[in-house]
Amino acid sequence: MYKILVIEDEENIASFIKMELTYEGYEVENCYDGKEGLDKALSQDYHLVLLDLMLPTLNGIEICRRIRKVKTTPIIMLTARDSVMDKVSGFQMGADDYVVKPFAIEELLARIEALLRRTNNNTENKNLMEFKDIVINIESRTVECNGNLINLTTKEYELLVHLVKNQNKVLTRDYLIENIWGYNYDGENNIVDVYIRHLRSKLKYYDCIQTVRGIGYVIR
């Protein structure tokens, strides 16, 4: 059964979508807040995300951008705004399709089916990231090193994905905090250093995560 996350702050619209998709055999979860929706999209595995553009706490464009930094989950934007620039912005941030409100439910269902069909034609290769003997499965959010499954926390996993995705590129501590812990993080400044130590320890024998003094970290 396909699992779909609907991030939509208009509860009547979200409820209608959930009812129709559930009737079609999908497993549906609704979320009415941008930040909460992003947390769910990053921490859980969904086959597709329906994402409203205008949301409280965090808008759809920013949510899409952050999801795309670590996941390939198909995203359909839902919006009442039909301008070309809105659509371009959505596609540039990684959206796969765009549906303008008000929409016929038949159109939305057809777009969902088509996107899931396209995605599943080549899912396996799209969902694997590799670096030396490290294999990251984006769909299952699992990591193997030398064929052994490595048990990582959510933040450790996201940190590794950012490093591997940007291998040979130095990532600053500010960049990592902003993209993993979020703009509003106000905890300890050395949080990245702590998680890098955890990651190095769990990967074992790997000196490929290197410190660039005074700047950040790079994997190479």
N, C-alpha and C. Protein backbone atom coordinates (compact mmCIF):
# COMPACT_ATOMS: atom_id res chain seq x y z
N MET A 1 0.84 -1.21 0.00
CA MET A 1 0.00 0.00 0.00
C MET A 1 0.87 1.25 0.00
N TYR A 2 0.56 2.18 -0.90
CA TYR A 2 1.31 3.42 -0.97
C TYR A 2 0.94 4.33 0.20
N LYS A 3 1.95 4.97 0.80
CA LYS A 3 1.75 5.86 1.93
C LYS A 3 1.97 7.30 1.47
N ILE A 4 0.98 8.16 1.69
CA ILE A 4 1.03 9.54 1.21
C ILE A 4 0.88 10.50 2.38
N LEU A 5 1.74 11.53 2.40
CA LEU A 5 1.65 12.60 3.39
C LEU A 5 1.03 13.83 2.74
N VAL A 6 -0.05 14.33 3.33
CA VAL A 6 -0.71 15.54 2.84
C VAL A 6 -0.40 16.68 3.82
N ILE A 7 0.34 17.69 3.35
CA ILE A 7 0.66 18.85 4.17
C ILE A 7 -0.19 20.01 3.66
N GLU A 8 -1.29 20.27 4.33
CA GLU A 8 -2.30 21.23 3.88
C GLU A 8 -2.98 21.83 5.10
N ASP A 9 -2.95 23.18 5.23
CA ASP A 9 -3.48 23.80 6.44
C ASP A 9 -4.99 24.01 6.41
N GLU A 10 -5.62 23.93 5.24
CA GLU A 10 -7.08 24.02 5.16
C GLU A 10 -7.65 22.63 5.46
N GLU A 11 -8.16 22.47 6.67
CA GLU A 11 -8.54 21.13 7.14
C GLU A 11 -9.65 20.49 6.31
N ASN A 12 -10.57 21.31 5.78
CA ASN A 12 -11.64 20.72 4.96
C ASN A 12 -11.08 20.13 3.67
N ILE A 13 -10.09 20.82 3.08
CA ILE A 13 -9.47 20.31 1.86
C ILE A 13 -8.66 19.05 2.18
N ALA A 14 -7.88 19.11 3.26
CA ALA A 14 -7.06 17.97 3.65
C ALA A 14 -7.93 16.75 3.95
N SER A 15 -9.04 16.96 4.63
CA SER A 15 -9.94 15.85 4.97
C SER A 15 -10.56 15.24 3.72
N PHE A 16 -10.94 16.11 2.78
CA PHE A 16 -11.53 15.63 1.52
C PHE A 16 -10.51 14.79 0.74
N ILE A 17 -9.28 15.30 0.65
CA ILE A 17 -8.23 14.56 -0.06
C ILE A 17 -7.98 13.21 0.61
N LYS A 18 -7.90 13.22 1.94
CA LYS A 18 -7.66 11.97 2.66
C LYS A 18 -8.78 10.97 2.42
N MET A 19 -10.01 11.43 2.46
CA MET A 19 -11.15 10.54 2.24
C MET A 19 -11.09 9.90 0.85
N GLU A 20 -10.82 10.73 -0.17
CA GLU A 20 -10.80 10.21 -1.54
C GLU A 20 -9.62 9.26 -1.76
N LEU A 21 -8.46 9.62 -1.24
CA LEU A 21 -7.28 8.77 -1.44
C LEU A 21 -7.41 7.46 -0.67
N THR A 22 -7.99 7.54 0.52
CA THR A 22 -8.21 6.32 1.31
C THR A 22 -9.16 5.39 0.57
N TYR A 23 -10.19 5.95 -0.03
CA TYR A 23 -11.14 5.16 -0.81
C TYR A 23 -10.44 4.46 -1.98
N GLU A 24 -9.41 5.11 -2.54
CA GLU A 24 -8.66 4.54 -3.67
C GLU A 24 -7.60 3.54 -3.21
N GLY A 25 -7.48 3.34 -1.90
CA GLY A 25 -6.57 2.32 -1.41
C GLY A 25 -5.23 2.82 -0.90
N TYR A 26 -5.07 4.14 -0.80
CA TYR A 26 -3.83 4.71 -0.27
C TYR A 26 -3.90 4.83 1.25
N GLU A 27 -2.74 4.76 1.89
CA GLU A 27 -2.64 5.09 3.32
C GLU A 27 -2.26 6.56 3.42
N VAL A 28 -3.06 7.35 4.11
CA VAL A 28 -2.90 8.81 4.08
C VAL A 28 -2.72 9.37 5.49
N GLU A 29 -1.78 10.30 5.61
CA GLU A 29 -1.59 11.02 6.87
C GLU A 29 -1.66 12.51 6.59
N ASN A 30 -2.46 13.22 7.37
CA ASN A 30 -2.61 14.66 7.19
C ASN A 30 -1.76 15.44 8.19
N CYS A 31 -1.26 16.59 7.75
CA CYS A 31 -0.50 17.49 8.62
C CYS A 31 -0.89 18.91 8.22
N TYR A 32 -1.14 19.78 9.21
CA TYR A 32 -1.69 21.11 8.92
C TYR A 32 -0.70 22.25 9.16
N ASP A 33 0.54 21.92 9.50
CA ASP A 33 1.54 22.93 9.85
C ASP A 33 2.83 22.65 9.07
N GLY A 34 3.46 23.71 8.56
CA GLY A 34 4.64 23.53 7.72
C GLY A 34 5.80 22.85 8.41
N LYS A 35 6.17 23.33 9.59
CA LYS A 35 7.32 22.76 10.29
C LYS A 35 7.07 21.31 10.69
N GLU A 36 5.87 21.04 11.19
CA GLU A 36 5.52 19.67 11.57
C GLU A 36 5.53 18.77 10.34
N GLY A 37 5.02 19.30 9.23
CA GLY A 37 5.01 18.52 7.99
C GLY A 37 6.41 18.17 7.51
N LEU A 38 7.33 19.14 7.60
CA LEU A 38 8.71 18.88 7.21
C LEU A 38 9.33 17.81 8.10
N ASP A 39 9.10 17.91 9.40
CA ASP A 39 9.64 16.91 10.33
C ASP A 39 9.15 15.51 9.98
N LYS A 40 7.87 15.39 9.66
CA LYS A 40 7.32 14.08 9.29
C LYS A 40 7.91 13.58 7.98
N ALA A 41 8.03 14.48 7.00
CA ALA A 41 8.55 14.08 5.69
C ALA A 41 9.99 13.60 5.77
N LEU A 42 10.76 14.17 6.71
CA LEU A 42 12.17 13.80 6.83
C LEU A 42 12.38 12.59 7.74
N SER A 43 11.54 12.44 8.74
CA SER A 43 11.75 11.38 9.73
C SER A 43 11.04 10.08 9.39
N GLN A 44 10.06 10.14 8.49
CA GLN A 44 9.33 8.93 8.10
C GLN A 44 9.43 8.72 6.60
N ASP A 45 9.07 7.52 6.17
CA ASP A 45 9.15 7.18 4.75
C ASP A 45 7.76 7.23 4.11
N TYR A 46 7.62 8.07 3.10
CA TYR A 46 6.37 8.17 2.35
C TYR A 46 6.66 7.92 0.88
N HIS A 47 5.66 7.41 0.18
CA HIS A 47 5.84 7.20 -1.26
C HIS A 47 5.60 8.48 -2.04
N LEU A 48 4.87 9.43 -1.42
CA LEU A 48 4.57 10.69 -2.12
C LEU A 48 4.12 11.72 -1.09
N VAL A 49 4.42 12.99 -1.37
CA VAL A 49 3.99 14.10 -0.52
C VAL A 49 3.15 15.07 -1.35
N LEU A 50 1.94 15.37 -0.85
CA LEU A 50 1.12 16.45 -1.42
C LEU A 50 1.35 17.67 -0.55
N LEU A 51 1.88 18.73 -1.15
CA LEU A 51 2.41 19.85 -0.37
C LEU A 51 1.77 21.17 -0.78
N ASP A 52 1.06 21.80 0.15
CA ASP A 52 0.46 23.11 -0.11
C ASP A 52 1.57 24.17 -0.14
N LEU A 53 1.36 25.22 -0.92
CA LEU A 53 2.38 26.27 -1.04
C LEU A 53 2.36 27.20 0.18
N MET A 54 1.18 27.65 0.59
CA MET A 54 1.06 28.61 1.68
C MET A 54 0.69 27.87 2.96
N LEU A 55 1.63 27.83 3.91
CA LEU A 55 1.43 27.10 5.16
C LEU A 55 1.90 27.92 6.35
N PRO A 56 1.34 27.70 7.52
CA PRO A 56 1.86 28.37 8.72
C PRO A 56 3.22 27.81 9.12
N THR A 57 4.05 28.64 9.68
CA THR A 57 5.40 28.37 10.23
C THR A 57 6.47 28.14 9.17
N LEU A 58 6.13 27.51 8.04
CA LEU A 58 7.13 27.25 7.00
C LEU A 58 6.39 27.03 5.69
N ASN A 59 6.79 27.76 4.63
CA ASN A 59 6.04 27.65 3.38
C ASN A 59 6.46 26.41 2.57
N GLY A 60 5.63 26.08 1.60
CA GLY A 60 5.84 24.87 0.81
C GLY A 60 7.13 24.86 0.02
N ILE A 61 7.54 26.02 -0.50
CA ILE A 61 8.78 26.09 -1.28
C ILE A 61 9.97 25.70 -0.41
N GLU A 62 10.02 26.24 0.81
CA GLU A 62 11.13 25.93 1.72
C GLU A 62 11.09 24.46 2.16
N ILE A 63 9.89 23.95 2.41
CA ILE A 63 9.76 22.54 2.77
C ILE A 63 10.29 21.66 1.65
N CYS A 64 9.89 21.97 0.43
CA CYS A 64 10.34 21.21 -0.74
C CYS A 64 11.86 21.24 -0.85
N ARG A 65 12.44 22.43 -0.68
CA ARG A 65 13.90 22.57 -0.78
C ARG A 65 14.61 21.69 0.23
N ARG A 66 14.11 21.69 1.47
CA ARG A 66 14.78 20.93 2.53
C ARG A 66 14.62 19.42 2.34
N ILE A 67 13.44 19.01 1.88
CA ILE A 67 13.24 17.58 1.60
C ILE A 67 14.21 17.12 0.53
N ARG A 68 14.35 17.93 -0.52
CA ARG A 68 15.19 17.54 -1.65
C ARG A 68 16.68 17.44 -1.30
N LYS A 69 17.09 18.07 -0.24
CA LYS A 69 18.49 17.98 0.15
C LYS A 69 18.85 16.58 0.64
N VAL A 70 17.86 15.82 1.12
CA VAL A 70 18.17 14.51 1.67
C VAL A 70 17.30 13.38 1.14
N LYS A 71 16.23 13.70 0.42
CA LYS A 71 15.31 12.64 -0.02
C LYS A 71 14.83 12.85 -1.45
N THR A 72 14.44 11.75 -2.09
CA THR A 72 13.92 11.81 -3.45
C THR A 72 12.41 11.56 -3.50
N THR A 73 11.75 11.65 -2.34
CA THR A 73 10.31 11.42 -2.27
C THR A 73 9.57 12.28 -3.30
N PRO A 74 8.71 11.70 -4.15
CA PRO A 74 7.94 12.50 -5.11
C PRO A 74 7.08 13.54 -4.41
N ILE A 75 7.06 14.75 -4.97
CA ILE A 75 6.32 15.86 -4.36
C ILE A 75 5.40 16.51 -5.40
N ILE A 76 4.11 16.63 -5.05
CA ILE A 76 3.16 17.38 -5.86
C ILE A 76 2.76 18.62 -5.07
N MET A 77 2.98 19.79 -5.65
CA MET A 77 2.61 21.04 -5.00
C MET A 77 1.13 21.32 -5.22
N LEU A 78 0.46 21.79 -4.16
CA LEU A 78 -0.94 22.20 -4.24
C LEU A 78 -1.00 23.69 -3.91
N THR A 79 -1.64 24.46 -4.78
CA THR A 79 -1.67 25.90 -4.51
C THR A 79 -2.82 26.58 -5.23
N ALA A 80 -3.28 27.69 -4.66
CA ALA A 80 -4.29 28.51 -5.32
C ALA A 80 -3.65 29.52 -6.25
N ARG A 81 -2.31 29.61 -6.21
CA ARG A 81 -1.59 30.59 -7.03
C ARG A 81 -1.13 29.95 -8.32
N ASP A 82 -1.54 30.55 -9.44
CA ASP A 82 -1.32 29.94 -10.75
C ASP A 82 -0.29 30.70 -11.59
N SER A 83 0.53 31.54 -10.95
CA SER A 83 1.49 32.32 -11.74
C SER A 83 2.63 31.43 -12.21
N VAL A 84 3.22 31.81 -13.34
CA VAL A 84 4.34 31.05 -13.91
C VAL A 84 5.50 31.01 -12.94
N MET A 85 5.79 32.14 -12.28
CA MET A 85 6.95 32.19 -11.37
C MET A 85 6.77 31.28 -10.17
N ASP A 86 5.53 31.17 -9.67
CA ASP A 86 5.27 30.25 -8.55
C ASP A 86 5.58 28.82 -8.97
N LYS A 87 5.15 28.46 -10.16
CA LYS A 87 5.40 27.11 -10.65
C LYS A 87 6.89 26.88 -10.87
N VAL A 88 7.55 27.86 -11.47
CA VAL A 88 8.99 27.74 -11.71
C VAL A 88 9.74 27.57 -10.40
N SER A 89 9.37 28.38 -9.39
CA SER A 89 10.03 28.28 -8.08
C SER A 89 9.85 26.89 -7.49
N GLY A 90 8.64 26.35 -7.60
CA GLY A 90 8.38 25.01 -7.08
C GLY A 90 9.22 23.96 -7.78
N PHE A 91 9.28 24.02 -9.09
CA PHE A 91 10.07 23.04 -9.85
C PHE A 91 11.56 23.20 -9.56
N GLN A 92 12.02 24.43 -9.43
CA GLN A 92 13.44 24.65 -9.13
C GLN A 92 13.83 24.08 -7.77
N MET A 93 12.92 24.08 -6.83
CA MET A 93 13.19 23.54 -5.50
C MET A 93 13.03 22.02 -5.46
N GLY A 94 12.56 21.42 -6.57
CA GLY A 94 12.51 19.96 -6.63
C GLY A 94 11.14 19.34 -6.71
N ALA A 95 10.08 20.15 -6.84
CA ALA A 95 8.74 19.58 -6.99
C ALA A 95 8.65 18.79 -8.29
N ASP A 96 7.87 17.71 -8.28
CA ASP A 96 7.73 16.87 -9.46
C ASP A 96 6.51 17.24 -10.29
N ASP A 97 5.50 17.82 -9.65
CA ASP A 97 4.29 18.20 -10.36
C ASP A 97 3.61 19.32 -9.59
N TYR A 98 2.58 19.92 -10.21
CA TYR A 98 1.95 21.13 -9.68
C TYR A 98 0.47 21.08 -9.99
N VAL A 99 -0.38 21.17 -8.97
CA VAL A 99 -1.83 21.16 -9.18
C VAL A 99 -2.42 22.44 -8.58
N VAL A 100 -3.20 23.16 -9.38
CA VAL A 100 -3.76 24.45 -8.95
C VAL A 100 -5.17 24.24 -8.39
N LYS A 101 -5.43 24.86 -7.22
CA LYS A 101 -6.77 24.83 -6.63
C LYS A 101 -7.66 25.87 -7.32
N PRO A 102 -8.95 25.61 -7.42
CA PRO A 102 -9.61 24.35 -7.10
C PRO A 102 -9.34 23.32 -8.19
N PHE A 103 -9.22 22.06 -7.81
CA PHE A 103 -8.91 21.01 -8.77
C PHE A 103 -9.97 19.92 -8.70
N ALA A 104 -10.11 19.20 -9.79
CA ALA A 104 -10.99 18.03 -9.80
C ALA A 104 -10.22 16.87 -9.17
N ILE A 105 -10.85 16.13 -8.27
CA ILE A 105 -10.17 15.05 -7.59
C ILE A 105 -9.67 14.01 -8.59
N GLU A 106 -10.39 13.87 -9.72
CA GLU A 106 -9.97 12.91 -10.74
C GLU A 106 -8.61 13.29 -11.33
N GLU A 107 -8.40 14.61 -11.50
CA GLU A 107 -7.10 15.06 -12.01
C GLU A 107 -5.99 14.78 -11.01
N LEU A 108 -6.26 15.08 -9.74
CA LEU A 108 -5.24 14.84 -8.71
C LEU A 108 -4.89 13.36 -8.64
N LEU A 109 -5.90 12.50 -8.66
CA LEU A 109 -5.66 11.05 -8.61
C LEU A 109 -4.84 10.59 -9.81
N ALA A 110 -5.14 11.13 -10.99
CA ALA A 110 -4.40 10.75 -12.19
C ALA A 110 -2.94 11.18 -12.11
N ARG A 111 -2.71 12.37 -11.56
CA ARG A 111 -1.34 12.86 -11.43
C ARG A 111 -0.56 12.03 -10.40
N ILE A 112 -1.22 11.67 -9.31
CA ILE A 112 -0.58 10.83 -8.30
C ILE A 112 -0.20 9.47 -8.90
N GLU A 113 -1.13 8.85 -9.60
CA GLU A 113 -0.88 7.54 -10.20
C GLU A 113 0.26 7.61 -11.21
N ALA A 114 0.26 8.67 -12.04
CA ALA A 114 1.30 8.80 -13.06
C ALA A 114 2.67 9.01 -12.43
N LEU A 115 2.73 9.84 -11.38
CA LEU A 115 4.01 10.13 -10.73
C LEU A 115 4.53 8.88 -10.01
N LEU A 116 3.67 8.15 -9.33
CA LEU A 116 4.11 6.93 -8.66
C LEU A 116 4.58 5.89 -9.67
N ARG A 117 3.91 5.82 -10.81
CA ARG A 117 4.30 4.88 -11.86
C ARG A 117 5.68 5.23 -12.41
N ARG A 118 5.92 6.52 -12.68
CA ARG A 118 7.23 6.95 -13.18
C ARG A 118 8.32 6.68 -12.15
N THR A 119 8.01 6.99 -10.91
CA THR A 119 8.99 6.83 -9.85
C THR A 119 9.38 5.38 -9.66
N ASN A 120 8.42 4.50 -9.70
CA ASN A 120 8.68 3.09 -9.44
C ASN A 120 9.36 2.38 -10.60
N ASN A 121 9.39 3.01 -11.77
CA ASN A 121 10.09 2.39 -12.90
C ASN A 121 11.58 2.29 -12.66
N ASN A 122 12.12 3.20 -11.81
CA ASN A 122 13.58 3.19 -11.59
C ASN A 122 13.91 3.54 -10.15
N THR A 123 13.13 2.98 -9.23
CA THR A 123 13.27 3.33 -7.83
C THR A 123 14.60 2.91 -7.24
N GLU A 124 15.04 1.72 -7.53
CA GLU A 124 16.20 1.16 -6.84
C GLU A 124 17.44 2.02 -7.04
N ASN A 125 17.76 2.37 -8.29
CA ASN A 125 18.97 3.15 -8.54
C ASN A 125 18.86 4.56 -7.98
N LYS A 126 17.68 5.17 -8.04
CA LYS A 126 17.50 6.52 -7.55
C LYS A 126 17.70 6.60 -6.04
N ASN A 127 17.38 5.51 -5.37
CA ASN A 127 17.37 5.55 -3.91
C ASN A 127 18.67 5.11 -3.27
N LEU A 128 19.69 4.86 -4.08
CA LEU A 128 20.97 4.45 -3.52
C LEU A 128 22.02 5.54 -3.71
N MET A 129 22.73 5.86 -2.61
CA MET A 129 23.88 6.74 -2.66
C MET A 129 25.07 5.95 -2.15
N GLU A 130 26.22 6.05 -2.85
CA GLU A 130 27.38 5.26 -2.47
C GLU A 130 28.62 6.14 -2.34
N PHE A 131 29.46 5.76 -1.37
CA PHE A 131 30.77 6.38 -1.21
C PHE A 131 31.70 5.31 -0.66
N LYS A 132 32.67 4.91 -1.49
CA LYS A 132 33.57 3.80 -1.13
C LYS A 132 32.73 2.59 -0.72
N ASP A 133 32.88 2.11 0.51
CA ASP A 133 32.11 0.94 0.95
C ASP A 133 30.85 1.32 1.72
N ILE A 134 30.49 2.61 1.70
CA ILE A 134 29.26 3.07 2.36
C ILE A 134 28.12 3.09 1.32
N VAL A 135 27.01 2.44 1.66
CA VAL A 135 25.83 2.44 0.79
C VAL A 135 24.65 2.98 1.59
N ILE A 136 24.04 4.06 1.09
CA ILE A 136 22.89 4.68 1.75
C ILE A 136 21.65 4.40 0.91
N ASN A 137 20.64 3.80 1.52
CA ASN A 137 19.37 3.58 0.85
C ASN A 137 18.40 4.67 1.31
N ILE A 138 18.11 5.61 0.42
CA ILE A 138 17.28 6.76 0.76
C ILE A 138 15.85 6.34 1.09
N GLU A 139 15.33 5.35 0.39
CA GLU A 139 13.95 4.92 0.60
C GLU A 139 13.76 4.32 1.98
N SER A 140 14.66 3.43 2.36
CA SER A 140 14.53 2.77 3.66
C SER A 140 15.28 3.49 4.78
N ARG A 141 16.06 4.52 4.40
CA ARG A 141 16.87 5.29 5.35
C ARG A 141 17.82 4.37 6.13
N THR A 142 18.43 3.43 5.43
CA THR A 142 19.40 2.52 6.04
C THR A 142 20.79 2.79 5.48
N VAL A 143 21.81 2.46 6.28
CA VAL A 143 23.19 2.67 5.88
C VAL A 143 23.97 1.37 6.11
N GLU A 144 24.74 0.96 5.11
CA GLU A 144 25.62 -0.19 5.25
C GLU A 144 27.07 0.25 5.02
N CYS A 145 27.97 -0.32 5.77
CA CYS A 145 29.40 -0.04 5.62
C CYS A 145 30.12 -1.39 5.58
N ASN A 146 30.83 -1.66 4.48
CA ASN A 146 31.48 -2.96 4.29
C ASN A 146 30.48 -4.11 4.43
N GLY A 147 29.24 -3.86 3.99
CA GLY A 147 28.22 -4.90 4.02
C GLY A 147 27.51 -5.04 5.36
N ASN A 148 27.91 -4.27 6.36
CA ASN A 148 27.29 -4.34 7.68
C ASN A 148 26.31 -3.19 7.88
N LEU A 149 25.13 -3.51 8.40
CA LEU A 149 24.13 -2.48 8.67
C LEU A 149 24.58 -1.62 9.84
N ILE A 150 24.58 -0.29 9.65
CA ILE A 150 25.01 0.65 10.68
C ILE A 150 23.78 1.32 11.28
N ASN A 151 23.64 1.26 12.58
CA ASN A 151 22.49 1.86 13.27
C ASN A 151 22.77 3.33 13.56
N LEU A 152 22.13 4.22 12.80
CA LEU A 152 22.33 5.66 12.96
C LEU A 152 21.06 6.32 13.47
N THR A 153 21.22 7.38 14.26
CA THR A 153 20.08 8.20 14.66
C THR A 153 19.65 9.04 13.45
N THR A 154 18.50 9.69 13.56
CA THR A 154 18.00 10.51 12.46
C THR A 154 19.00 11.60 12.07
N LYS A 155 19.56 12.30 13.05
CA LYS A 155 20.50 13.39 12.75
C LYS A 155 21.81 12.85 12.21
N GLU A 156 22.28 11.72 12.71
CA GLU A 156 23.51 11.12 12.18
C GLU A 156 23.30 10.72 10.73
N TYR A 157 22.14 10.16 10.45
CA TYR A 157 21.82 9.75 9.08
C TYR A 157 21.80 10.98 8.14
N GLU A 158 21.11 12.03 8.56
CA GLU A 158 21.01 13.23 7.73
C GLU A 158 22.38 13.87 7.52
N LEU A 159 23.21 13.85 8.55
CA LEU A 159 24.56 14.40 8.44
C LEU A 159 25.36 13.62 7.42
N LEU A 160 25.28 12.29 7.47
CA LEU A 160 26.02 11.46 6.51
C LEU A 160 25.52 11.70 5.09
N VAL A 161 24.21 11.80 4.92
CA VAL A 161 23.65 12.04 3.58
C VAL A 161 24.16 13.36 3.00
N HIS A 162 24.18 14.41 3.82
CA HIS A 162 24.68 15.71 3.35
C HIS A 162 26.15 15.61 2.94
N LEU A 163 26.94 14.92 3.73
CA LEU A 163 28.37 14.79 3.42
C LEU A 163 28.59 13.99 2.14
N VAL A 164 27.89 12.86 2.00
CA VAL A 164 28.07 12.01 0.82
C VAL A 164 27.53 12.70 -0.43
N LYS A 165 26.40 13.37 -0.29
CA LYS A 165 25.82 14.08 -1.43
C LYS A 165 26.75 15.19 -1.92
N ASN A 166 27.53 15.76 -1.01
CA ASN A 166 28.45 16.86 -1.35
C ASN A 166 29.90 16.43 -1.20
N GLN A 167 30.19 15.15 -1.49
CA GLN A 167 31.54 14.64 -1.27
C GLN A 167 32.59 15.48 -2.00
N ASN A 168 33.72 15.65 -1.32
CA ASN A 168 34.84 16.49 -1.78
C ASN A 168 34.55 17.99 -1.68
N LYS A 169 33.40 18.34 -1.12
CA LYS A 169 33.05 19.74 -0.92
C LYS A 169 32.99 20.03 0.58
N VAL A 170 33.68 21.07 1.02
CA VAL A 170 33.70 21.42 2.44
C VAL A 170 32.35 22.05 2.83
N LEU A 171 31.71 21.48 3.85
CA LEU A 171 30.45 22.00 4.36
C LEU A 171 30.70 22.69 5.69
N THR A 172 30.29 23.93 5.79
CA THR A 172 30.53 24.68 7.03
C THR A 172 29.61 24.19 8.14
N ARG A 173 30.00 24.46 9.38
CA ARG A 173 29.15 24.10 10.51
C ARG A 173 27.81 24.81 10.43
N ASP A 174 27.82 26.09 10.02
CA ASP A 174 26.57 26.85 9.91
C ASP A 174 25.64 26.21 8.89
N TYR A 175 26.21 25.77 7.76
CA TYR A 175 25.40 25.12 6.72
C TYR A 175 24.75 23.86 7.27
N LEU A 176 25.52 23.04 7.97
CA LEU A 176 25.02 21.78 8.50
C LEU A 176 23.95 22.01 9.57
N ILE A 177 24.18 22.99 10.45
CA ILE A 177 23.18 23.30 11.48
C ILE A 177 21.88 23.76 10.82
N GLU A 178 21.99 24.65 9.86
CA GLU A 178 20.82 25.22 9.20
C GLU A 178 20.01 24.16 8.47
N ASN A 179 20.69 23.23 7.79
CA ASN A 179 20.01 22.26 6.95
C ASN A 179 19.61 20.98 7.67
N ILE A 180 20.19 20.72 8.84
CA ILE A 180 19.84 19.51 9.58
C ILE A 180 19.05 19.83 10.83
N TRP A 181 19.49 20.81 11.59
CA TRP A 181 18.80 21.17 12.84
C TRP A 181 17.79 22.29 12.64
N GLY A 182 17.92 23.06 11.54
CA GLY A 182 16.94 24.09 11.22
C GLY A 182 17.39 25.49 11.58
N TYR A 183 16.74 26.46 10.96
CA TYR A 183 17.09 27.87 11.14
C TYR A 183 16.98 28.32 12.59
N ASN A 184 16.03 27.77 13.31
CA ASN A 184 15.73 28.26 14.65
C ASN A 184 16.50 27.54 15.74
N TYR A 185 17.46 26.69 15.37
CA TYR A 185 18.22 25.96 16.39
C TYR A 185 19.02 26.94 17.25
N ASP A 186 18.90 26.81 18.58
CA ASP A 186 19.62 27.70 19.48
C ASP A 186 20.31 26.92 20.59
N GLY A 187 20.69 25.68 20.29
CA GLY A 187 21.37 24.84 21.27
C GLY A 187 22.88 25.06 21.27
N GLU A 188 23.60 24.04 21.65
CA GLU A 188 25.05 24.14 21.75
C GLU A 188 25.70 24.35 20.38
N ASN A 189 26.71 25.21 20.34
CA ASN A 189 27.38 25.51 19.08
C ASN A 189 28.21 24.34 18.55
N ASN A 190 28.59 23.42 19.44
CA ASN A 190 29.44 22.32 19.02
C ASN A 190 28.65 21.07 18.65
N ILE A 191 27.34 21.22 18.39
CA ILE A 191 26.49 20.07 18.10
C ILE A 191 27.00 19.29 16.89
N VAL A 192 27.48 19.99 15.85
CA VAL A 192 27.99 19.30 14.65
C VAL A 192 29.21 18.47 15.00
N ASP A 193 30.13 19.03 15.80
CA ASP A 193 31.34 18.30 16.18
C ASP A 193 30.99 17.02 16.94
N VAL A 194 30.00 17.11 17.81
CA VAL A 194 29.57 15.95 18.60
C VAL A 194 29.04 14.85 17.68
N TYR A 195 28.20 15.23 16.73
CA TYR A 195 27.62 14.22 15.83
C TYR A 195 28.63 13.66 14.84
N ILE A 196 29.60 14.47 14.46
CA ILE A 196 30.68 13.96 13.60
C ILE A 196 31.45 12.87 14.34
N ARG A 197 31.72 13.08 15.63
CA ARG A 197 32.42 12.07 16.42
C ARG A 197 31.61 10.78 16.49
N HIS A 198 30.30 10.91 16.70
CA HIS A 198 29.44 9.74 16.74
C HIS A 198 29.49 8.99 15.41
N LEU A 199 29.42 9.75 14.31
CA LEU A 199 29.40 9.15 12.98
C LEU A 199 30.71 8.43 12.69
N ARG A 200 31.82 9.06 13.01
CA ARG A 200 33.13 8.42 12.80
C ARG A 200 33.23 7.12 13.59
N SER A 201 32.74 7.15 14.83
CA SER A 201 32.81 5.98 15.68
C SER A 201 31.98 4.83 15.13
N LYS A 202 30.79 5.13 14.64
CA LYS A 202 29.91 4.08 14.15
C LYS A 202 30.36 3.50 12.82
N LEU A 203 30.98 4.34 11.97
CA LEU A 203 31.46 3.84 10.68
C LEU A 203 32.73 3.01 10.83
N LYS A 204 33.51 3.27 11.87
CA LYS A 204 34.71 2.50 12.23
C LYS A 204 35.72 2.38 11.07
N TYR A 205 36.94 2.60 11.43
CA TYR A 205 38.05 2.50 10.48
C TYR A 205 37.98 3.53 9.35
N TYR A 206 37.01 4.43 9.40
CA TYR A 206 36.87 5.41 8.33
C TYR A 206 37.45 6.75 8.76
N ASP A 207 38.49 7.17 8.05
CA ASP A 207 39.06 8.49 8.28
C ASP A 207 38.69 9.43 7.14
N CYS A 208 37.66 9.05 6.38
CA CYS A 208 37.29 9.83 5.20
C CYS A 208 36.52 11.10 5.57
N ILE A 209 35.94 11.17 6.78
CA ILE A 209 35.29 12.41 7.22
C ILE A 209 36.36 13.28 7.86
N GLN A 210 36.77 14.29 7.14
CA GLN A 210 37.91 15.10 7.56
C GLN A 210 37.47 16.47 8.09
N THR A 211 38.19 16.95 9.08
CA THR A 211 37.94 18.27 9.65
C THR A 211 38.74 19.32 8.89
N VAL A 212 38.07 20.38 8.48
CA VAL A 212 38.75 21.53 7.89
C VAL A 212 38.74 22.60 8.96
N ARG A 213 39.88 22.78 9.60
CA ARG A 213 39.96 23.61 10.79
C ARG A 213 39.37 25.01 10.58
N GLY A 214 38.50 25.39 11.50
CA GLY A 214 37.91 26.72 11.48
C GLY A 214 36.76 26.87 10.47
N ILE A 215 36.47 25.81 9.70
CA ILE A 215 35.41 25.92 8.68
C ILE A 215 34.32 24.88 8.88
N GLY A 216 34.69 23.60 8.75
CA GLY A 216 33.66 22.56 8.84
C GLY A 216 34.23 21.19 8.52
N TYR A 217 33.47 20.44 7.70
CA TYR A 217 33.84 19.06 7.43
C TYR A 217 33.65 18.71 5.97
N VAL A 218 34.40 17.68 5.53
CA VAL A 218 34.30 17.20 4.15
C VAL A 218 34.50 15.69 4.17
N ILE A 219 33.82 15.00 3.27
CA ILE A 219 34.07 13.57 3.10
C ILE A 219 34.74 13.36 1.76
N ARG A 220 35.89 12.66 1.80
CA ARG A 220 36.64 12.42 0.54
C ARG A 220 37.60 11.27 0.72
